[in-house]
Amino acid sequence: MAGPSVFDFSLTALGGGELPLEQFAGRPLLIVNTASECGFTPQYQGLEDLHRRFAETGLVVIGCPCNQFGAQEPGSAGEIAAFCESRFGVTFLLSEKLEVNGANTDPLFQFLKTAAKGLLGSESVKWNFTKFLVARDGRSVERFAPTTTPEALIPAIEAALAES
C-alpha cells in the first residue's frame, strides 16, 4: 500500500522513552488529546473503560495530553500521571504533552487531522478530547468530537475490531 500510515509515527511516552506506533501494527488505535482540567476530563473514565473492555481483543488507547486549549493541562509529566492514576485509574498509554495545532503540531496529529477532517472540512483540532479511531490498516481514520462520549464509540470500535 502506498502512502503513510499511523504506524510510521512515534510518540514519547509520558514517563519518557520512545513509543513507536509500529509495535501496534494490525491493531485499531484510539488516539485522544486529553487534559486534566477540562470539562470533558471525566471522559478519562470512559476511555479507561474502553481500554479494559477491548484491549484483549486488540484495541490500543493512547491519551495525548495537550495544553493548547485554555491551558487545561498545565502539569508536569509526573503530575499528569499521578492525576490520571489517582482520579480515574488510568492504565492505558499516555504520551508526553504535545501540540495538536499550530507550527509545533506533533507529526502524528498532523497525519490524523489530514486523514480525518473535522466539521466543514476543517483540519484543526477544536478542543480537548477530540478522538481519532484508526483502523487496523493504519490509514483509515475516523474523527469524533470532544462531545462524543467514549461509550458512544463502542459500535465504531467493534466494527474496527471486526475488520481483518
N, C-alpha and C. Protein backbone atom coordinates (compact mmCIF):
# COMPACT_ATOMS: atom_id res chain seq x y z
N MET A 1 0.84 -1.20 0.00
CA MET A 1 0.00 0.00 0.00
C MET A 1 0.88 1.24 0.00
N ALA A 2 0.44 2.23 -0.72
CA ALA A 2 1.19 3.48 -0.79
C ALA A 2 0.69 4.46 0.26
N GLY A 3 1.51 5.44 0.57
CA GLY A 3 1.10 6.48 1.49
C GLY A 3 1.44 6.16 2.93
N PRO A 4 1.44 7.19 3.74
CA PRO A 4 1.79 6.99 5.15
C PRO A 4 0.71 6.26 5.92
N SER A 5 1.12 5.72 7.02
CA SER A 5 0.25 5.00 7.94
C SER A 5 0.53 5.53 9.34
N VAL A 6 -0.42 5.42 10.23
CA VAL A 6 -0.21 5.84 11.61
C VAL A 6 0.96 5.05 12.22
N PHE A 7 1.20 3.87 11.69
CA PHE A 7 2.27 3.03 12.23
C PHE A 7 3.66 3.52 11.83
N ASP A 8 3.72 4.56 11.00
CA ASP A 8 5.00 5.17 10.62
C ASP A 8 5.47 6.19 11.66
N PHE A 9 4.63 6.50 12.65
CA PHE A 9 4.93 7.56 13.61
C PHE A 9 5.32 6.99 14.97
N SER A 10 5.88 7.87 15.77
CA SER A 10 6.31 7.51 17.11
C SER A 10 5.96 8.65 18.04
N LEU A 11 5.65 8.33 19.27
CA LEU A 11 5.42 9.32 20.31
C LEU A 11 6.48 9.13 21.39
N THR A 12 6.53 10.04 22.32
CA THR A 12 7.34 9.85 23.51
C THR A 12 6.37 9.54 24.64
N ALA A 13 6.61 8.45 25.35
CA ALA A 13 5.74 8.05 26.45
C ALA A 13 5.79 9.09 27.56
N LEU A 14 4.73 9.21 28.34
CA LEU A 14 4.65 10.20 29.40
C LEU A 14 5.80 10.07 30.38
N GLY A 15 6.21 8.85 30.67
CA GLY A 15 7.31 8.63 31.60
C GLY A 15 8.67 8.69 30.94
N GLY A 16 8.71 9.02 29.65
CA GLY A 16 9.97 9.04 28.91
C GLY A 16 10.10 7.79 28.08
N GLY A 17 10.94 7.83 27.10
CA GLY A 17 11.16 6.67 26.22
C GLY A 17 10.27 6.75 25.00
N GLU A 18 10.77 6.15 23.95
CA GLU A 18 10.05 6.16 22.68
C GLU A 18 8.85 5.21 22.73
N LEU A 19 7.82 5.60 22.01
CA LEU A 19 6.61 4.80 21.88
C LEU A 19 6.32 4.66 20.38
N PRO A 20 7.07 3.77 19.69
CA PRO A 20 6.86 3.61 18.25
C PRO A 20 5.51 2.93 18.00
N LEU A 21 4.70 3.55 17.17
CA LEU A 21 3.37 3.00 16.92
C LEU A 21 3.42 1.74 16.05
N GLU A 22 4.54 1.49 15.39
CA GLU A 22 4.67 0.28 14.56
C GLU A 22 4.47 -0.99 15.39
N GLN A 23 4.71 -0.90 16.71
CA GLN A 23 4.51 -2.08 17.56
C GLN A 23 3.03 -2.48 17.64
N PHE A 24 2.14 -1.58 17.22
CA PHE A 24 0.71 -1.87 17.25
C PHE A 24 0.14 -2.17 15.87
N ALA A 25 1.00 -2.37 14.89
CA ALA A 25 0.56 -2.62 13.51
C ALA A 25 -0.47 -3.75 13.50
N GLY A 26 -1.55 -3.52 12.75
CA GLY A 26 -2.61 -4.51 12.65
C GLY A 26 -3.66 -4.41 13.74
N ARG A 27 -3.50 -3.46 14.65
CA ARG A 27 -4.48 -3.27 15.73
C ARG A 27 -5.12 -1.88 15.58
N PRO A 28 -6.42 -1.76 15.87
CA PRO A 28 -7.03 -0.43 15.85
C PRO A 28 -6.52 0.41 17.02
N LEU A 29 -6.39 1.71 16.77
CA LEU A 29 -5.93 2.64 17.80
C LEU A 29 -6.98 3.70 18.04
N LEU A 30 -7.17 4.07 19.30
CA LEU A 30 -7.99 5.21 19.66
C LEU A 30 -7.05 6.23 20.28
N ILE A 31 -6.83 7.33 19.56
CA ILE A 31 -5.88 8.36 19.97
C ILE A 31 -6.68 9.61 20.33
N VAL A 32 -6.45 10.13 21.54
CA VAL A 32 -7.26 11.23 22.08
C VAL A 32 -6.35 12.29 22.67
N ASN A 33 -6.58 13.57 22.31
CA ASN A 33 -5.86 14.64 23.01
C ASN A 33 -6.61 14.92 24.31
N THR A 34 -5.89 14.85 25.41
CA THR A 34 -6.51 14.90 26.74
C THR A 34 -6.03 16.11 27.53
N ALA A 35 -6.72 16.39 28.63
CA ALA A 35 -6.34 17.46 29.55
C ALA A 35 -6.97 17.17 30.92
N SER A 36 -6.26 17.57 31.97
CA SER A 36 -6.67 17.26 33.34
C SER A 36 -7.64 18.27 33.95
N GLU A 37 -7.77 19.45 33.35
CA GLU A 37 -8.61 20.50 33.94
C GLU A 37 -9.68 20.97 32.97
N CYS A 38 -10.23 20.05 32.19
CA CYS A 38 -11.21 20.35 31.15
C CYS A 38 -12.59 19.86 31.61
N GLY A 39 -13.62 20.47 31.08
CA GLY A 39 -14.97 19.99 31.37
C GLY A 39 -15.19 18.56 30.90
N PHE A 40 -14.39 18.12 29.92
CA PHE A 40 -14.51 16.75 29.40
C PHE A 40 -13.59 15.77 30.12
N THR A 41 -12.83 16.23 31.11
CA THR A 41 -11.87 15.38 31.81
C THR A 41 -12.49 14.08 32.35
N PRO A 42 -13.75 14.08 32.82
CA PRO A 42 -14.33 12.81 33.27
C PRO A 42 -14.35 11.73 32.18
N GLN A 43 -14.14 12.11 30.90
CA GLN A 43 -14.06 11.10 29.85
C GLN A 43 -12.87 10.17 30.02
N TYR A 44 -11.89 10.56 30.84
CA TYR A 44 -10.79 9.63 31.15
C TYR A 44 -11.35 8.30 31.64
N GLN A 45 -12.43 8.37 32.45
CA GLN A 45 -13.01 7.12 32.97
C GLN A 45 -13.58 6.28 31.84
N GLY A 46 -14.28 6.92 30.92
CA GLY A 46 -14.84 6.19 29.78
C GLY A 46 -13.75 5.61 28.89
N LEU A 47 -12.66 6.35 28.71
CA LEU A 47 -11.54 5.83 27.90
C LEU A 47 -10.91 4.63 28.59
N GLU A 48 -10.76 4.71 29.91
CA GLU A 48 -10.21 3.57 30.66
C GLU A 48 -11.15 2.37 30.55
N ASP A 49 -12.46 2.62 30.61
CA ASP A 49 -13.43 1.53 30.46
C ASP A 49 -13.29 0.87 29.09
N LEU A 50 -13.11 1.68 28.03
CA LEU A 50 -12.91 1.12 26.69
C LEU A 50 -11.63 0.29 26.64
N HIS A 51 -10.57 0.82 27.24
CA HIS A 51 -9.29 0.09 27.28
C HIS A 51 -9.48 -1.27 27.96
N ARG A 52 -10.12 -1.28 29.10
CA ARG A 52 -10.30 -2.53 29.85
C ARG A 52 -11.21 -3.51 29.10
N ARG A 53 -12.20 -2.99 28.41
CA ARG A 53 -13.15 -3.84 27.70
C ARG A 53 -12.56 -4.43 26.42
N PHE A 54 -11.75 -3.64 25.69
CA PHE A 54 -11.35 -4.05 24.34
C PHE A 54 -9.85 -4.33 24.15
N ALA A 55 -9.03 -4.12 25.16
CA ALA A 55 -7.58 -4.34 24.99
C ALA A 55 -7.27 -5.78 24.58
N GLU A 56 -7.93 -6.74 25.21
CA GLU A 56 -7.64 -8.14 24.90
C GLU A 56 -8.01 -8.52 23.48
N THR A 57 -8.95 -7.80 22.88
CA THR A 57 -9.33 -8.10 21.50
C THR A 57 -8.61 -7.21 20.51
N GLY A 58 -7.68 -6.36 21.00
CA GLY A 58 -6.80 -5.65 20.08
C GLY A 58 -6.76 -4.15 20.14
N LEU A 59 -7.75 -3.48 20.75
CA LEU A 59 -7.76 -2.02 20.75
C LEU A 59 -6.62 -1.47 21.60
N VAL A 60 -5.96 -0.43 21.08
CA VAL A 60 -4.95 0.30 21.83
C VAL A 60 -5.46 1.72 22.02
N VAL A 61 -5.56 2.15 23.28
CA VAL A 61 -5.98 3.51 23.61
C VAL A 61 -4.74 4.31 24.00
N ILE A 62 -4.58 5.49 23.40
CA ILE A 62 -3.45 6.36 23.71
C ILE A 62 -3.97 7.76 23.99
N GLY A 63 -3.72 8.24 25.19
CA GLY A 63 -4.06 9.60 25.56
C GLY A 63 -2.85 10.50 25.34
N CYS A 64 -3.08 11.65 24.74
CA CYS A 64 -2.00 12.60 24.41
C CYS A 64 -2.30 13.94 25.08
N PRO A 65 -1.75 14.16 26.27
CA PRO A 65 -2.01 15.42 26.97
C PRO A 65 -1.61 16.63 26.13
N CYS A 66 -2.46 17.66 26.21
CA CYS A 66 -2.26 18.87 25.40
C CYS A 66 -2.68 20.08 26.22
N ASN A 67 -1.85 21.12 26.21
CA ASN A 67 -2.12 22.32 26.98
C ASN A 67 -2.54 23.50 26.10
N GLN A 68 -2.97 23.23 24.88
CA GLN A 68 -3.27 24.30 23.92
C GLN A 68 -4.65 24.90 24.05
N PHE A 69 -5.53 24.28 24.81
CA PHE A 69 -6.91 24.76 24.89
C PHE A 69 -7.19 25.23 26.32
N GLY A 70 -7.19 26.53 26.51
CA GLY A 70 -7.50 27.08 27.83
C GLY A 70 -6.47 26.72 28.89
N ALA A 71 -5.26 26.36 28.50
CA ALA A 71 -4.20 25.96 29.44
C ALA A 71 -4.72 24.94 30.45
N GLN A 72 -5.48 23.95 29.95
CA GLN A 72 -6.14 22.99 30.82
C GLN A 72 -5.29 21.76 31.14
N GLU A 73 -4.03 21.77 30.68
CA GLU A 73 -3.11 20.69 31.05
C GLU A 73 -1.77 21.32 31.44
N PRO A 74 -1.74 22.05 32.58
CA PRO A 74 -0.53 22.77 32.97
C PRO A 74 0.53 21.90 33.65
N GLY A 75 0.16 20.71 34.08
CA GLY A 75 1.04 19.90 34.91
C GLY A 75 2.25 19.31 34.22
N SER A 76 3.18 18.88 35.05
CA SER A 76 4.36 18.15 34.58
C SER A 76 3.94 16.71 34.25
N ALA A 77 4.85 15.98 33.63
CA ALA A 77 4.57 14.57 33.30
C ALA A 77 4.17 13.80 34.57
N GLY A 78 4.91 14.00 35.65
CA GLY A 78 4.60 13.31 36.90
C GLY A 78 3.24 13.68 37.46
N GLU A 79 2.91 14.96 37.37
CA GLU A 79 1.60 15.41 37.87
C GLU A 79 0.47 14.86 37.03
N ILE A 80 0.66 14.83 35.72
CA ILE A 80 -0.36 14.27 34.82
C ILE A 80 -0.57 12.79 35.13
N ALA A 81 0.53 12.04 35.24
CA ALA A 81 0.43 10.60 35.52
C ALA A 81 -0.26 10.35 36.85
N ALA A 82 0.11 11.09 37.88
CA ALA A 82 -0.49 10.90 39.21
C ALA A 82 -1.97 11.23 39.18
N PHE A 83 -2.34 12.31 38.50
CA PHE A 83 -3.75 12.70 38.41
C PHE A 83 -4.55 11.60 37.72
N CYS A 84 -4.08 11.14 36.56
CA CYS A 84 -4.82 10.14 35.79
C CYS A 84 -4.98 8.84 36.55
N GLU A 85 -3.92 8.44 37.26
CA GLU A 85 -3.97 7.19 38.02
C GLU A 85 -4.86 7.31 39.25
N SER A 86 -4.70 8.41 40.01
CA SER A 86 -5.45 8.52 41.26
C SER A 86 -6.92 8.84 41.05
N ARG A 87 -7.23 9.66 40.05
CA ARG A 87 -8.62 10.06 39.83
C ARG A 87 -9.42 9.07 38.99
N PHE A 88 -8.76 8.43 38.01
CA PHE A 88 -9.51 7.61 37.06
C PHE A 88 -8.94 6.21 36.88
N GLY A 89 -7.88 5.86 37.60
CA GLY A 89 -7.30 4.53 37.49
C GLY A 89 -6.77 4.23 36.09
N VAL A 90 -6.28 5.25 35.41
CA VAL A 90 -5.84 5.10 34.02
C VAL A 90 -4.68 4.11 33.92
N THR A 91 -4.86 3.11 33.07
CA THR A 91 -3.79 2.16 32.77
C THR A 91 -3.46 2.15 31.28
N PHE A 92 -4.24 2.87 30.45
CA PHE A 92 -3.91 2.93 29.03
C PHE A 92 -2.70 3.84 28.83
N LEU A 93 -2.12 3.78 27.65
CA LEU A 93 -0.91 4.53 27.35
C LEU A 93 -1.15 6.04 27.33
N LEU A 94 -0.17 6.78 27.83
CA LEU A 94 -0.19 8.23 27.77
C LEU A 94 1.13 8.70 27.17
N SER A 95 1.03 9.68 26.28
CA SER A 95 2.24 10.26 25.70
C SER A 95 2.66 11.47 26.52
N GLU A 96 3.83 11.99 26.20
CA GLU A 96 4.22 13.26 26.79
C GLU A 96 3.29 14.34 26.24
N LYS A 97 3.27 15.47 26.91
CA LYS A 97 2.45 16.59 26.46
C LYS A 97 2.90 17.00 25.06
N LEU A 98 1.93 17.25 24.19
CA LEU A 98 2.26 17.62 22.81
C LEU A 98 1.30 18.67 22.30
N GLU A 99 1.59 19.20 21.11
CA GLU A 99 0.71 20.18 20.49
C GLU A 99 -0.02 19.54 19.32
N VAL A 100 -1.29 19.89 19.18
CA VAL A 100 -2.13 19.30 18.12
C VAL A 100 -2.46 20.31 17.02
N ASN A 101 -2.14 21.57 17.23
CA ASN A 101 -2.38 22.63 16.24
C ASN A 101 -1.16 23.55 16.19
N GLY A 102 -1.07 24.30 15.10
CA GLY A 102 -0.04 25.33 15.01
C GLY A 102 1.28 24.83 14.46
N ALA A 103 2.27 25.70 14.54
CA ALA A 103 3.58 25.44 13.95
C ALA A 103 4.30 24.24 14.57
N ASN A 104 3.99 23.93 15.83
CA ASN A 104 4.66 22.81 16.51
C ASN A 104 3.77 21.58 16.65
N THR A 105 2.82 21.44 15.74
CA THR A 105 1.93 20.27 15.76
C THR A 105 2.76 18.99 15.69
N ASP A 106 2.45 18.06 16.59
CA ASP A 106 3.11 16.76 16.56
C ASP A 106 2.83 16.09 15.21
N PRO A 107 3.83 15.48 14.57
CA PRO A 107 3.63 14.85 13.26
C PRO A 107 2.48 13.83 13.23
N LEU A 108 2.29 13.08 14.31
CA LEU A 108 1.18 12.13 14.34
C LEU A 108 -0.15 12.86 14.20
N PHE A 109 -0.31 13.96 14.92
CA PHE A 109 -1.58 14.69 14.84
C PHE A 109 -1.74 15.38 13.49
N GLN A 110 -0.65 15.78 12.87
CA GLN A 110 -0.75 16.33 11.52
C GLN A 110 -1.33 15.27 10.58
N PHE A 111 -0.84 14.04 10.70
CA PHE A 111 -1.36 12.94 9.90
C PHE A 111 -2.83 12.70 10.21
N LEU A 112 -3.18 12.61 11.49
CA LEU A 112 -4.57 12.31 11.87
C LEU A 112 -5.53 13.39 11.37
N LYS A 113 -5.14 14.65 11.52
CA LYS A 113 -6.02 15.76 11.11
C LYS A 113 -6.22 15.79 9.61
N THR A 114 -5.21 15.39 8.85
CA THR A 114 -5.33 15.34 7.39
C THR A 114 -6.17 14.15 6.96
N ALA A 115 -5.99 13.02 7.65
CA ALA A 115 -6.70 11.79 7.30
C ALA A 115 -8.19 11.86 7.64
N ALA A 116 -8.52 12.59 8.70
CA ALA A 116 -9.93 12.69 9.13
C ALA A 116 -10.22 14.14 9.47
N LYS A 117 -10.72 14.85 8.51
CA LYS A 117 -11.02 16.27 8.70
C LYS A 117 -12.23 16.44 9.62
N GLY A 118 -12.28 17.59 10.26
CA GLY A 118 -13.38 17.88 11.16
C GLY A 118 -14.56 18.50 10.45
N LEU A 119 -15.39 19.16 11.20
CA LEU A 119 -16.59 19.80 10.71
C LEU A 119 -16.26 20.76 9.57
N LEU A 120 -17.01 20.69 8.50
CA LEU A 120 -16.85 21.54 7.33
C LEU A 120 -15.46 21.46 6.72
N GLY A 121 -14.81 20.29 6.86
CA GLY A 121 -13.51 20.07 6.25
C GLY A 121 -12.34 20.68 6.99
N SER A 122 -12.59 21.18 8.17
CA SER A 122 -11.51 21.78 8.97
C SER A 122 -10.51 20.71 9.41
N GLU A 123 -9.23 21.07 9.39
CA GLU A 123 -8.22 20.14 9.89
C GLU A 123 -7.88 20.39 11.34
N SER A 124 -8.08 21.59 11.84
CA SER A 124 -7.64 21.88 13.21
C SER A 124 -8.46 21.11 14.23
N VAL A 125 -7.82 20.81 15.34
CA VAL A 125 -8.50 20.20 16.48
C VAL A 125 -9.13 21.36 17.24
N LYS A 126 -10.41 21.24 17.54
CA LYS A 126 -11.14 22.35 18.15
C LYS A 126 -11.02 22.41 19.66
N TRP A 127 -10.82 21.26 20.33
CA TRP A 127 -10.78 21.27 21.79
C TRP A 127 -10.23 19.94 22.28
N ASN A 128 -9.99 19.88 23.60
CA ASN A 128 -9.53 18.65 24.24
C ASN A 128 -10.55 17.53 24.07
N PHE A 129 -10.05 16.33 24.07
CA PHE A 129 -10.84 15.10 23.97
C PHE A 129 -11.45 14.90 22.58
N THR A 130 -10.78 15.45 21.55
CA THR A 130 -11.09 15.05 20.18
C THR A 130 -10.51 13.65 20.02
N LYS A 131 -11.28 12.77 19.42
CA LYS A 131 -10.90 11.36 19.35
C LYS A 131 -10.69 10.94 17.90
N PHE A 132 -9.62 10.16 17.68
CA PHE A 132 -9.32 9.62 16.36
C PHE A 132 -9.27 8.10 16.48
N LEU A 133 -10.15 7.42 15.75
CA LEU A 133 -10.15 5.95 15.72
C LEU A 133 -9.48 5.52 14.42
N VAL A 134 -8.37 4.82 14.57
CA VAL A 134 -7.58 4.39 13.43
C VAL A 134 -7.81 2.90 13.20
N ALA A 135 -8.13 2.54 11.97
CA ALA A 135 -8.39 1.14 11.62
C ALA A 135 -7.10 0.32 11.64
N ARG A 136 -7.26 -0.98 11.57
CA ARG A 136 -6.12 -1.90 11.58
C ARG A 136 -5.09 -1.60 10.50
N ASP A 137 -5.53 -1.01 9.37
CA ASP A 137 -4.61 -0.73 8.26
C ASP A 137 -3.72 0.49 8.54
N GLY A 138 -4.02 1.22 9.62
CA GLY A 138 -3.23 2.39 9.97
C GLY A 138 -3.48 3.60 9.11
N ARG A 139 -4.36 3.49 8.13
CA ARG A 139 -4.63 4.58 7.20
C ARG A 139 -6.04 5.15 7.33
N SER A 140 -7.01 4.29 7.54
CA SER A 140 -8.40 4.73 7.67
C SER A 140 -8.59 5.32 9.06
N VAL A 141 -9.01 6.58 9.10
CA VAL A 141 -9.15 7.29 10.37
C VAL A 141 -10.53 7.92 10.44
N GLU A 142 -11.16 7.81 11.60
CA GLU A 142 -12.45 8.44 11.84
C GLU A 142 -12.29 9.41 13.01
N ARG A 143 -12.81 10.63 12.87
CA ARG A 143 -12.68 11.65 13.92
C ARG A 143 -14.00 11.77 14.66
N PHE A 144 -13.90 11.96 15.98
CA PHE A 144 -15.07 12.17 16.82
C PHE A 144 -14.87 13.42 17.66
N ALA A 145 -15.92 14.19 17.81
CA ALA A 145 -15.87 15.46 18.54
C ALA A 145 -15.65 15.24 20.03
N PRO A 146 -15.16 16.27 20.72
CA PRO A 146 -14.99 16.18 22.17
C PRO A 146 -16.29 15.83 22.90
N THR A 147 -17.41 16.27 22.35
CA THR A 147 -18.71 16.00 23.00
C THR A 147 -19.16 14.55 22.83
N THR A 148 -18.53 13.81 21.91
CA THR A 148 -18.86 12.39 21.74
C THR A 148 -18.24 11.61 22.89
N THR A 149 -19.07 10.95 23.66
CA THR A 149 -18.56 10.22 24.83
C THR A 149 -17.83 8.96 24.37
N PRO A 150 -16.88 8.49 25.18
CA PRO A 150 -16.22 7.23 24.84
C PRO A 150 -17.21 6.08 24.64
N GLU A 151 -18.26 6.04 25.44
CA GLU A 151 -19.25 4.96 25.33
C GLU A 151 -19.91 4.96 23.95
N ALA A 152 -20.10 6.15 23.38
CA ALA A 152 -20.74 6.26 22.06
C ALA A 152 -19.85 5.69 20.95
N LEU A 153 -18.57 5.47 21.24
CA LEU A 153 -17.65 4.92 20.24
C LEU A 153 -17.72 3.40 20.14
N ILE A 154 -18.41 2.75 21.05
CA ILE A 154 -18.41 1.27 21.08
C ILE A 154 -18.78 0.65 19.74
N PRO A 155 -19.84 1.08 19.06
CA PRO A 155 -20.13 0.45 17.75
C PRO A 155 -18.99 0.62 16.74
N ALA A 156 -18.39 1.79 16.69
CA ALA A 156 -17.27 2.02 15.75
C ALA A 156 -16.06 1.18 16.14
N ILE A 157 -15.80 1.05 17.43
CA ILE A 157 -14.67 0.22 17.88
C ILE A 157 -14.93 -1.24 17.54
N GLU A 158 -16.14 -1.70 17.80
CA GLU A 158 -16.46 -3.11 17.47
C GLU A 158 -16.31 -3.36 15.98
N ALA A 159 -16.72 -2.40 15.17
CA ALA A 159 -16.57 -2.55 13.71
C ALA A 159 -15.08 -2.59 13.34
N ALA A 160 -14.28 -1.73 13.94
CA ALA A 160 -12.84 -1.71 13.66
C ALA A 160 -12.18 -3.02 14.08
N LEU A 161 -12.60 -3.57 15.20
CA LEU A 161 -12.05 -4.83 15.67
C LEU A 161 -12.48 -6.00 14.79
N ALA A 162 -13.64 -5.89 14.17
CA ALA A 162 -14.17 -6.97 13.33
C ALA A 162 -13.47 -7.02 11.97
N GLU A 163 -12.83 -5.91 11.55
CA GLU A 163 -12.13 -5.90 10.28
C GLU A 163 -10.93 -6.82 10.34
N SER A 164 -10.66 -7.48 9.21
CA SER A 164 -9.48 -8.35 9.21
C SER A 164 -8.40 -7.81 8.30
